[in-house]
Amino acid sequence: MSQSAVNIVYPIDGGTYPITDPACGVRSAYFTASFSTTCAGGPHTVKWGFDGRTLGKASFYDQFSAQFTWKLPAGAHRFWVESDCGKGAVKFKIA
């Protein structure tokens, strides 16, 4: 079994966040995303973001992982990661 080149740990595809149910709907939320990418050898590059906006870029050898928090408005979103050797994306909602 081979490892996926990009592993999005959080958010979970199809999820709705925040997980706690506030008494009224949220307008925005601080949201934490987490991912890793593994490419043999190097150097390699990776970039990541929400929807159409790139939030970060890095250079790495073999493996890179990141966790960060970003404020998102309510609604549907797409978190994506693209590295030299693969890419991944998940869709989720802030509600």
PDB file of N, CA and C in Angstrom:
ATOM      1  N   MET A   1       0.848  -1.177   0.000  1.00  0.00           N
ATOM      2  CA  MET A   1       0.000   0.000   0.000  1.00  0.00           C
ATOM      3  C   MET A   1       0.893   1.239   0.000  1.00  0.00           C
ATOM      4  N   SER A   2       0.658   2.166  -0.920  1.00  0.00           N
ATOM      5  CA  SER A   2       1.463   3.373  -0.971  1.00  0.00           C
ATOM      6  C   SER A   2       0.732   4.520  -0.275  1.00  0.00           C
ATOM      7  N   GLN A   3       1.522   5.448   0.200  1.00  0.00           N
ATOM      8  CA  GLN A   3       0.972   6.606   0.894  1.00  0.00           C
ATOM      9  C   GLN A   3       0.534   7.651  -0.119  1.00  0.00           C
ATOM     10  N   SER A   4      -0.559   8.323   0.145  1.00  0.00           N
ATOM     11  CA  SER A   4      -1.023   9.398  -0.710  1.00  0.00           C
ATOM     12  C   SER A   4      -0.035  10.554  -0.659  1.00  0.00           C
ATOM     13  N   ALA A   5       0.215  11.194  -1.796  1.00  0.00           N
ATOM     14  CA  ALA A   5       1.156  12.310  -1.844  1.00  0.00           C
ATOM     15  C   ALA A   5       0.675  13.492  -1.005  1.00  0.00           C
ATOM     16  N   VAL A   6      -0.645  13.698  -0.927  1.00  0.00           N
ATOM     17  CA  VAL A   6      -1.222  14.775  -0.124  1.00  0.00           C
ATOM     18  C   VAL A   6      -2.262  14.169   0.812  1.00  0.00           C
ATOM     19  N   ASN A   7      -2.149  14.494   2.090  1.00  0.00           N
ATOM     20  CA  ASN A   7      -3.087  13.993   3.092  1.00  0.00           C
ATOM     21  C   ASN A   7      -3.684  15.183   3.834  1.00  0.00           C
ATOM     22  N   ILE A   8      -4.950  15.500   3.551  1.00  0.00           N
ATOM     23  CA  ILE A   8      -5.633  16.569   4.274  1.00  0.00           C
ATOM     24  C   ILE A   8      -6.262  15.940   5.507  1.00  0.00           C
ATOM     25  N   VAL A   9      -5.769  16.347   6.671  1.00  0.00           N
ATOM     26  CA  VAL A   9      -6.227  15.791   7.940  1.00  0.00           C
ATOM     27  C   VAL A   9      -7.527  16.465   8.383  1.00  0.00           C
ATOM     28  N   TYR A  10      -7.585  17.777   8.228  1.00  0.00           N
ATOM     29  CA  TYR A  10      -8.737  18.555   8.692  1.00  0.00           C
ATOM     30  C   TYR A  10      -8.854  19.788   7.832  1.00  0.00           C
ATOM     31  N   PRO A  11      -9.959  20.125   7.282  1.00  0.00           N
ATOM     32  CA  PRO A  11     -11.306  19.665   7.573  1.00  0.00           C
ATOM     33  C   PRO A  11     -11.625  18.334   6.890  1.00  0.00           C
ATOM     34  N   ILE A  12     -12.699  17.737   7.339  1.00  0.00           N
ATOM     35  CA  ILE A  12     -13.188  16.491   6.763  1.00  0.00           C
ATOM     36  C   ILE A  12     -14.130  16.833   5.610  1.00  0.00           C
ATOM     37  N   ASP A  13     -13.947  16.169   4.484  1.00  0.00           N
ATOM     38  CA  ASP A  13     -14.755  16.426   3.301  1.00  0.00           C
ATOM     39  C   ASP A  13     -16.237  16.294   3.643  1.00  0.00           C
ATOM     40  N   GLY A  14     -17.019  17.324   3.314  1.00  0.00           N
ATOM     41  CA  GLY A  14     -18.459  17.321   3.556  1.00  0.00           C
ATOM     42  C   GLY A  14     -18.866  17.775   4.945  1.00  0.00           C
ATOM     43  N   GLY A  15     -17.910  18.124   5.795  1.00  0.00           N
ATOM     44  CA  GLY A  15     -18.204  18.520   7.168  1.00  0.00           C
ATOM     45  C   GLY A  15     -18.827  19.905   7.278  1.00  0.00           C
ATOM     46  N   THR A  16     -19.488  20.159   8.404  1.00  0.00           N
ATOM     47  CA  THR A  16     -20.021  21.479   8.738  1.00  0.00           C
ATOM     48  C   THR A  16     -19.388  21.911  10.046  1.00  0.00           C
ATOM     49  N   TYR A  17     -18.869  23.135  10.087  1.00  0.00           N
ATOM     50  CA  TYR A  17     -18.139  23.649  11.253  1.00  0.00           C
ATOM     51  C   TYR A  17     -18.677  25.030  11.599  1.00  0.00           C
ATOM     52  N   PRO A  18     -18.611  25.514  12.842  1.00  0.00           N
ATOM     53  CA  PRO A  18     -18.048  24.801  13.983  1.00  0.00           C
ATOM     54  C   PRO A  18     -18.921  23.631  14.403  1.00  0.00           C
ATOM     55  N   ILE A  19     -18.309  22.669  15.060  1.00  0.00           N
ATOM     56  CA  ILE A  19     -19.004  21.447  15.441  1.00  0.00           C
ATOM     57  C   ILE A  19     -20.054  21.723  16.507  1.00  0.00           C
ATOM     58  N   THR A  20     -19.778  22.645  17.425  1.00  0.00           N
ATOM     59  CA  THR A  20     -20.785  23.011  18.419  1.00  0.00           C
ATOM     60  C   THR A  20     -21.892  23.782  17.722  1.00  0.00           C
ATOM     61  N   ASP A  21     -23.106  23.607  18.158  1.00  0.00           N
ATOM     62  CA  ASP A  21     -24.254  24.228  17.516  1.00  0.00           C
ATOM     63  C   ASP A  21     -24.638  25.502  18.264  1.00  0.00           C
ATOM     64  N   PRO A  22     -24.232  26.677  17.741  1.00  0.00           N
ATOM     65  CA  PRO A  22     -24.608  27.908  18.441  1.00  0.00           C
ATOM     66  C   PRO A  22     -26.113  28.157  18.342  1.00  0.00           C
ATOM     67  N   ALA A  23     -26.636  28.944  19.284  1.00  0.00           N
ATOM     68  CA  ALA A  23     -28.072  29.234  19.313  1.00  0.00           C
ATOM     69  C   ALA A  23     -28.520  29.950  18.036  1.00  0.00           C
ATOM     70  N   CYS A  24     -27.632  30.741  17.459  1.00  0.00           N
ATOM     71  CA  CYS A  24     -27.952  31.404  16.188  1.00  0.00           C
ATOM     72  C   CYS A  24     -26.831  31.079  15.197  1.00  0.00           C
ATOM     73  N   GLY A  25     -27.091  31.212  13.930  1.00  0.00           N
ATOM     74  CA  GLY A  25     -26.093  30.912  12.907  1.00  0.00           C
ATOM     75  C   GLY A  25     -24.873  31.821  13.021  1.00  0.00           C
ATOM     76  N   VAL A  26     -23.727  31.330  12.614  1.00  0.00           N
ATOM     77  CA  VAL A  26     -22.501  32.120  12.670  1.00  0.00           C
ATOM     78  C   VAL A  26     -22.321  32.906  11.375  1.00  0.00           C
ATOM     79  N   ARG A  27     -21.666  34.049  11.492  1.00  0.00           N
ATOM     80  CA  ARG A  27     -21.336  34.853  10.317  1.00  0.00           C
ATOM     81  C   ARG A  27     -19.931  34.541   9.823  1.00  0.00           C
ATOM     82  N   SER A  28     -19.078  34.112  10.763  1.00  0.00           N
ATOM     83  CA  SER A  28     -17.706  33.735  10.435  1.00  0.00           C
ATOM     84  C   SER A  28     -17.171  32.895  11.581  1.00  0.00           C
ATOM     85  N   ALA A  29     -16.048  32.226  11.330  1.00  0.00           N
ATOM     86  CA  ALA A  29     -15.455  31.395  12.374  1.00  0.00           C
ATOM     87  C   ALA A  29     -13.962  31.277  12.130  1.00  0.00           C
ATOM     88  N   TYR A  30     -13.197  31.209  13.234  1.00  0.00           N
ATOM     89  CA  TYR A  30     -11.779  30.887  13.137  1.00  0.00           C
ATOM     90  C   TYR A  30     -11.695  29.389  12.927  1.00  0.00           C
ATOM     91  N   PHE A  31     -10.998  28.999  11.884  1.00  0.00           N
ATOM     92  CA  PHE A  31     -11.004  27.611  11.459  1.00  0.00           C
ATOM     93  C   PHE A  31      -9.576  27.098  11.345  1.00  0.00           C
ATOM     94  N   THR A  32      -9.306  25.909  11.884  1.00  0.00           N
ATOM     95  CA  THR A  32      -7.971  25.314  11.828  1.00  0.00           C
ATOM     96  C   THR A  32      -7.935  24.216  10.782  1.00  0.00           C
ATOM     97  N   ALA A  33      -6.959  24.301   9.886  1.00  0.00           N
ATOM     98  CA  ALA A  33      -6.755  23.293   8.842  1.00  0.00           C
ATOM     99  C   ALA A  33      -5.414  22.609   9.088  1.00  0.00           C
ATOM    100  N   SER A  34      -5.310  21.348   8.666  1.00  0.00           N
ATOM    101  CA  SER A  34      -4.099  20.568   8.868  1.00  0.00           C
ATOM    102  C   SER A  34      -3.885  19.638   7.675  1.00  0.00           C
ATOM    103  N   PHE A  35      -2.616  19.534   7.207  1.00  0.00           N
ATOM    104  CA  PHE A  35      -2.316  18.666   6.069  1.00  0.00           C
ATOM    105  C   PHE A  35      -0.845  18.273   6.075  1.00  0.00           C
ATOM    106  N   SER A  36      -0.528  17.263   5.268  1.00  0.00           N
ATOM    107  CA  SER A  36       0.863  16.888   5.030  1.00  0.00           C
ATOM    108  C   SER A  36       1.017  16.489   3.574  1.00  0.00           C
ATOM    109  N   THR A  37       2.244  16.554   3.079  1.00  0.00           N
ATOM    110  CA  THR A  37       2.555  16.081   1.735  1.00  0.00           C
ATOM    111  C   THR A  37       3.895  15.375   1.775  1.00  0.00           C
ATOM    112  N   THR A  38       4.009  14.295   1.025  1.00  0.00           N
ATOM    113  CA  THR A  38       5.228  13.496   0.988  1.00  0.00           C
ATOM    114  C   THR A  38       5.622  13.249  -0.463  1.00  0.00           C
ATOM    115  N   CYS A  39       6.827  13.677  -0.822  1.00  0.00           N
ATOM    116  CA  CYS A  39       7.390  13.485  -2.156  1.00  0.00           C
ATOM    117  C   CYS A  39       8.827  13.002  -1.972  1.00  0.00           C
ATOM    118  N   ALA A  40       9.198  11.938  -2.636  1.00  0.00           N
ATOM    119  CA  ALA A  40      10.553  11.383  -2.481  1.00  0.00           C
ATOM    120  C   ALA A  40      11.609  12.378  -2.977  1.00  0.00           C
ATOM    121  N   GLY A  41      12.707  12.470  -2.225  1.00  0.00           N
ATOM    122  CA  GLY A  41      13.818  13.337  -2.625  1.00  0.00           C
ATOM    123  C   GLY A  41      13.478  14.799  -2.499  1.00  0.00           C
ATOM    124  N   GLY A  42      14.079  15.593  -3.354  1.00  0.00           N
ATOM    125  CA  GLY A  42      13.775  17.017  -3.287  1.00  0.00           C
ATOM    126  C   GLY A  42      14.781  17.806  -4.086  1.00  0.00           C
ATOM    127  N   PRO A  43      14.684  19.093  -4.070  1.00  0.00           N
ATOM    128  CA  PRO A  43      13.663  19.872  -3.366  1.00  0.00           C
ATOM    129  C   PRO A  43      12.306  19.834  -4.078  1.00  0.00           C
ATOM    130  N   HIS A  44      11.259  20.110  -3.296  1.00  0.00           N
ATOM    131  CA  HIS A  44       9.894  20.160  -3.800  1.00  0.00           C
ATOM    132  C   HIS A  44       9.229  21.439  -3.313  1.00  0.00           C
ATOM    133  N   THR A  45       8.071  21.752  -3.875  1.00  0.00           N
ATOM    134  CA  THR A  45       7.298  22.905  -3.426  1.00  0.00           C
ATOM    135  C   THR A  45       5.864  22.474  -3.140  1.00  0.00           C
ATOM    136  N   VAL A  46       5.213  23.236  -2.274  1.00  0.00           N
ATOM    137  CA  VAL A  46       3.808  23.012  -1.950  1.00  0.00           C
ATOM    138  C   VAL A  46       3.154  24.371  -1.743  1.00  0.00           C
ATOM    139  N   LYS A  47       1.884  24.464  -2.113  1.00  0.00           N
ATOM    140  CA  LYS A  47       1.097  25.653  -1.803  1.00  0.00           C
ATOM    141  C   LYS A  47      -0.281  25.193  -1.353  1.00  0.00           C
ATOM    142  N   TRP A  48      -0.974  26.046  -0.592  1.00  0.00           N
ATOM    143  CA  TRP A  48      -2.275  25.676  -0.039  1.00  0.00           C
ATOM    144  C   TRP A  48      -3.131  26.919   0.143  1.00  0.00           C
ATOM    145  N   GLY A  49      -4.459  26.691   0.250  1.00  0.00           N
ATOM    146  CA  GLY A  49      -5.349  27.815   0.470  1.00  0.00           C
ATOM    147  C   GLY A  49      -6.805  27.406   0.563  1.00  0.00           C
ATOM    148  N   PHE A  50      -7.648  28.421   0.689  1.00  0.00           N
ATOM    149  CA  PHE A  50      -9.096  28.235   0.713  1.00  0.00           C
ATOM    150  C   PHE A  50      -9.687  28.872  -0.527  1.00  0.00           C
ATOM    151  N   ASP A  51     -10.636  28.179  -1.117  1.00  0.00           N
ATOM    152  CA  ASP A  51     -11.355  28.665  -2.288  1.00  0.00           C
ATOM    153  C   ASP A  51     -10.323  29.029  -3.366  1.00  0.00           C
ATOM    154  N   GLY A  52     -10.336  30.209  -3.936  1.00  0.00           N
ATOM    155  CA  GLY A  52      -9.391  30.580  -4.980  1.00  0.00           C
ATOM    156  C   GLY A  52      -8.159  31.315  -4.483  1.00  0.00           C
ATOM    157  N   ARG A  53      -7.968  31.384  -3.174  1.00  0.00           N
ATOM    158  CA  ARG A  53      -6.892  32.190  -2.590  1.00  0.00           C
ATOM    159  C   ARG A  53      -5.767  31.323  -2.038  1.00  0.00           C
ATOM    160  N   THR A  54      -4.536  31.582  -2.482  1.00  0.00           N
ATOM    161  CA  THR A  54      -3.365  30.895  -1.937  1.00  0.00           C
ATOM    162  C   THR A  54      -2.979  31.568  -0.625  1.00  0.00           C
ATOM    163  N   LEU A  55      -2.864  30.770   0.454  1.00  0.00           N
ATOM    164  CA  LEU A  55      -2.517  31.316   1.763  1.00  0.00           C
ATOM    165  C   LEU A  55      -1.075  31.040   2.158  1.00  0.00           C
ATOM    166  N   GLY A  56      -0.467  30.006   1.584  1.00  0.00           N
ATOM    167  CA  GLY A  56       0.900  29.684   1.971  1.00  0.00           C
ATOM    168  C   GLY A  56       1.630  28.901   0.905  1.00  0.00           C
ATOM    169  N   LYS A  57       2.965  28.989   0.966  1.00  0.00           N
ATOM    170  CA  LYS A  57       3.845  28.250   0.067  1.00  0.00           C
ATOM    171  C   LYS A  57       5.068  27.834   0.855  1.00  0.00           C
ATOM    172  N   ALA A  58       5.666  26.705   0.472  1.00  0.00           N
ATOM    173  CA  ALA A  58       6.883  26.254   1.151  1.00  0.00           C
ATOM    174  C   ALA A  58       7.707  25.384   0.212  1.00  0.00           C
ATOM    175  N   SER A  59       8.986  25.300   0.510  1.00  0.00           N
ATOM    176  CA  SER A  59       9.903  24.365  -0.154  1.00  0.00           C
ATOM    177  C   SER A  59      10.284  23.317   0.882  1.00  0.00           C
ATOM    178  N   PHE A  60      10.487  22.055   0.437  1.00  0.00           N
ATOM    179  CA  PHE A  60      10.781  20.993   1.394  1.00  0.00           C
ATOM    180  C   PHE A  60      11.493  19.838   0.714  1.00  0.00           C
ATOM    181  N   TYR A  61      12.080  18.986   1.520  1.00  0.00           N
ATOM    182  CA  TYR A  61      12.641  17.707   1.091  1.00  0.00           C
ATOM    183  C   TYR A  61      11.807  16.608   1.725  1.00  0.00           C
ATOM    184  N   ASP A  62      11.390  15.638   0.965  1.00  0.00           N
ATOM    185  CA  ASP A  62      10.681  14.439   1.416  1.00  0.00           C
ATOM    186  C   ASP A  62       9.292  14.678   2.000  1.00  0.00           C
ATOM    187  N   GLN A  63       9.175  15.458   3.086  1.00  0.00           N
ATOM    188  CA  GLN A  63       7.878  15.574   3.756  1.00  0.00           C
ATOM    189  C   GLN A  63       7.693  16.968   4.332  1.00  0.00           C
ATOM    190  N   PHE A  64       6.448  17.469   4.258  1.00  0.00           N
ATOM    191  CA  PHE A  64       6.090  18.762   4.837  1.00  0.00           C
ATOM    192  C   PHE A  64       4.718  18.623   5.473  1.00  0.00           C
ATOM    193  N   SER A  65       4.537  19.221   6.645  1.00  0.00           N
ATOM    194  CA  SER A  65       3.213  19.243   7.270  1.00  0.00           C
ATOM    195  C   SER A  65       2.973  20.622   7.871  1.00  0.00           C
ATOM    196  N   ALA A  66       1.709  20.997   7.923  1.00  0.00           N
ATOM    197  CA  ALA A  66       1.353  22.307   8.472  1.00  0.00           C
ATOM    198  C   ALA A  66      -0.021  22.245   9.115  1.00  0.00           C
ATOM    199  N   GLN A  67      -0.189  23.108  10.105  1.00  0.00           N
ATOM    200  CA  GLN A  67      -1.474  23.333  10.746  1.00  0.00           C
ATOM    201  C   GLN A  67      -1.565  24.831  10.970  1.00  0.00           C
ATOM    202  N   PHE A  68      -2.681  25.432  10.614  1.00  0.00           N
ATOM    203  CA  PHE A  68      -2.828  26.870  10.762  1.00  0.00           C
ATOM    204  C   PHE A  68      -4.296  27.217  10.985  1.00  0.00           C
ATOM    205  N   THR A  69      -4.538  28.427  11.463  1.00  0.00           N
ATOM    206  CA  THR A  69      -5.898  28.909  11.724  1.00  0.00           C
ATOM    207  C   THR A  69      -6.159  30.117  10.836  1.00  0.00           C
ATOM    208  N   TRP A  70      -7.368  30.158  10.265  1.00  0.00           N
ATOM    209  CA  TRP A  70      -7.758  31.237   9.366  1.00  0.00           C
ATOM    210  C   TRP A  70      -9.213  31.582   9.629  1.00  0.00           C
ATOM    211  N   LYS A  71      -9.580  32.841   9.523  1.00  0.00           N
ATOM    212  CA  LYS A  71     -10.972  33.253   9.722  1.00  0.00           C
ATOM    213  C   LYS A  71     -11.711  33.170   8.390  1.00  0.00           C
ATOM    214  N   LEU A  72     -12.819  32.440   8.393  1.00  0.00           N
ATOM    215  CA  LEU A  72     -13.618  32.236   7.188  1.00  0.00           C
ATOM    216  C   LEU A  72     -15.043  32.730   7.397  1.00  0.00           C
ATOM    217  N   PRO A  73     -15.656  33.309   6.364  1.00  0.00           N
ATOM    218  CA  PRO A  73     -17.062  33.700   6.475  1.00  0.00           C
ATOM    219  C   PRO A  73     -17.961  32.465   6.402  1.00  0.00           C
ATOM    220  N   ALA A  74     -19.185  32.604   6.856  1.00  0.00           N
ATOM    221  CA  ALA A  74     -20.158  31.513   6.755  1.00  0.00           C
ATOM    222  C   ALA A  74     -20.378  31.159   5.292  1.00  0.00           C
ATOM    223  N   GLY A  75     -20.659  29.877   5.051  1.00  0.00           N
ATOM    224  CA  GLY A  75     -20.938  29.427   3.697  1.00  0.00           C
ATOM    225  C   GLY A  75     -20.077  28.243   3.300  1.00  0.00           C
ATOM    226  N   ALA A  76     -20.152  27.888   2.017  1.00  0.00           N
ATOM    227  CA  ALA A  76     -19.417  26.747   1.480  1.00  0.00           C
ATOM    228  C   ALA A  76     -17.985  27.158   1.143  1.00  0.00           C
ATOM    229  N   HIS A  77     -17.035  26.262   1.427  1.00  0.00           N
ATOM    230  CA  HIS A  77     -15.620  26.527   1.166  1.00  0.00           C
ATOM    231  C   HIS A  77     -14.944  25.283   0.615  1.00  0.00           C
ATOM    232  N   ARG A  78     -13.770  25.503   0.037  1.00  0.00           N
ATOM    233  CA  ARG A  78     -12.928  24.426  -0.487  1.00  0.00           C
ATOM    234  C   ARG A  78     -11.510  24.666   0.007  1.00  0.00           C
ATOM    235  N   PHE A  79     -10.951  23.692   0.747  1.00  0.00           N
ATOM    236  CA  PHE A  79      -9.557  23.746   1.176  1.00  0.00           C
ATOM    237  C   PHE A  79      -8.756  22.881   0.216  1.00  0.00           C
ATOM    238  N   TRP A  80      -7.660  23.407  -0.321  1.00  0.00           N
ATOM    239  CA  TRP A  80      -6.874  22.676  -1.316  1.00  0.00           C
ATOM    240  C   TRP A  80      -5.383  22.735  -0.986  1.00  0.00           C
ATOM    241  N   VAL A  81      -4.673  21.703  -1.438  1.00  0.00           N
ATOM    242  CA  VAL A  81      -3.226  21.591  -1.279  1.00  0.00           C
ATOM    243  C   VAL A  81      -2.671  21.068  -2.596  1.00  0.00           C
ATOM    244  N   GLU A  82      -1.617  21.711  -3.104  1.00  0.00           N
ATOM    245  CA  GLU A  82      -0.960  21.267  -4.332  1.00  0.00           C
ATOM    246  C   GLU A  82       0.539  21.193  -4.104  1.00  0.00           C
ATOM    247  N   SER A  83       1.115  19.995  -4.288  1.00  0.00           N
ATOM    248  CA  SER A  83       2.564  19.832  -4.202  1.00  0.00           C
ATOM    249  C   SER A  83       3.077  19.322  -5.542  1.00  0.00           C
ATOM    250  N   ASP A  84       4.400  19.241  -5.685  1.00  0.00           N
ATOM    251  CA  ASP A  84       5.003  18.758  -6.932  1.00  0.00           C
ATOM    252  C   ASP A  84       4.502  17.374  -7.326  1.00  0.00           C
ATOM    253  N   CYS A  85       4.188  16.549  -6.339  1.00  0.00           N
ATOM    254  CA  CYS A  85       3.872  15.151  -6.642  1.00  0.00           C
ATOM    255  C   CYS A  85       2.412  14.780  -6.418  1.00  0.00           C
ATOM    256  N   GLY A  86       1.566  15.744  -6.130  1.00  0.00           N
ATOM    257  CA  GLY A  86       0.157  15.421  -5.957  1.00  0.00           C
ATOM    258  C   GLY A  86      -0.643  16.603  -5.466  1.00  0.00           C
ATOM    259  N   LYS A  87      -1.944  16.413  -5.409  1.00  0.00           N
ATOM    260  CA  LYS A  87      -2.811  17.465  -4.902  1.00  0.00           C
ATOM    261  C   LYS A  87      -4.030  16.844  -4.250  1.00  0.00           C
ATOM    262  N   GLY A  88      -4.710  17.638  -3.455  1.00  0.00           N
ATOM    263  CA  GLY A  88      -5.916  17.184  -2.792  1.00  0.00           C
ATOM    264  C   GLY A  88      -6.793  18.374  -2.453  1.00  0.00           C
ATOM    265  N   ALA A  89      -8.082  18.122  -2.240  1.00  0.00           N
ATOM    266  CA  ALA A  89      -9.025  19.177  -1.893  1.00  0.00           C
ATOM    267  C   ALA A  89     -10.210  18.566  -1.160  1.00  0.00           C
ATOM    268  N   VAL A  90     -10.786  19.334  -0.268  1.00  0.00           N
ATOM    269  CA  VAL A  90     -12.017  18.946   0.425  1.00  0.00           C
ATOM    270  C   VAL A  90     -12.980  20.124   0.430  1.00  0.00           C
ATOM    271  N   LYS A  91     -14.263  19.816   0.439  1.00  0.00           N
ATOM    272  CA  LYS A  91     -15.305  20.837   0.520  1.00  0.00           C
ATOM    273  C   LYS A  91     -15.970  20.731   1.882  1.00  0.00           C
ATOM    274  N   PHE A  92     -16.325  21.888   2.459  1.00  0.00           N
ATOM    275  CA  PHE A  92     -16.946  21.910   3.786  1.00  0.00           C
ATOM    276  C   PHE A  92     -17.729  23.208   3.922  1.00  0.00           C
ATOM    277  N   LYS A  93     -18.469  23.345   5.040  1.00  0.00           N
ATOM    278  CA  LYS A  93     -19.269  24.538   5.283  1.00  0.00           C
ATOM    279  C   LYS A  93     -18.966  25.134   6.651  1.00  0.00           C
ATOM    280  N   ILE A  94     -19.047  26.447   6.720  1.00  0.00           N
ATOM    281  CA  ILE A  94     -19.051  27.171   7.990  1.00  0.00           C
ATOM    282  C   ILE A  94     -20.496  27.616   8.173  1.00  0.00           C
ATOM    283  N   ALA A  95     -21.148  27.135   9.232  1.00  0.00           N
ATOM    284  CA  ALA A  95     -22.561  27.449   9.436  1.00  0.00           C
ATOM    285  C   ALA A  95     -22.879  27.562  10.913  1.00  0.00           C
TER     286      ALA A  95
END
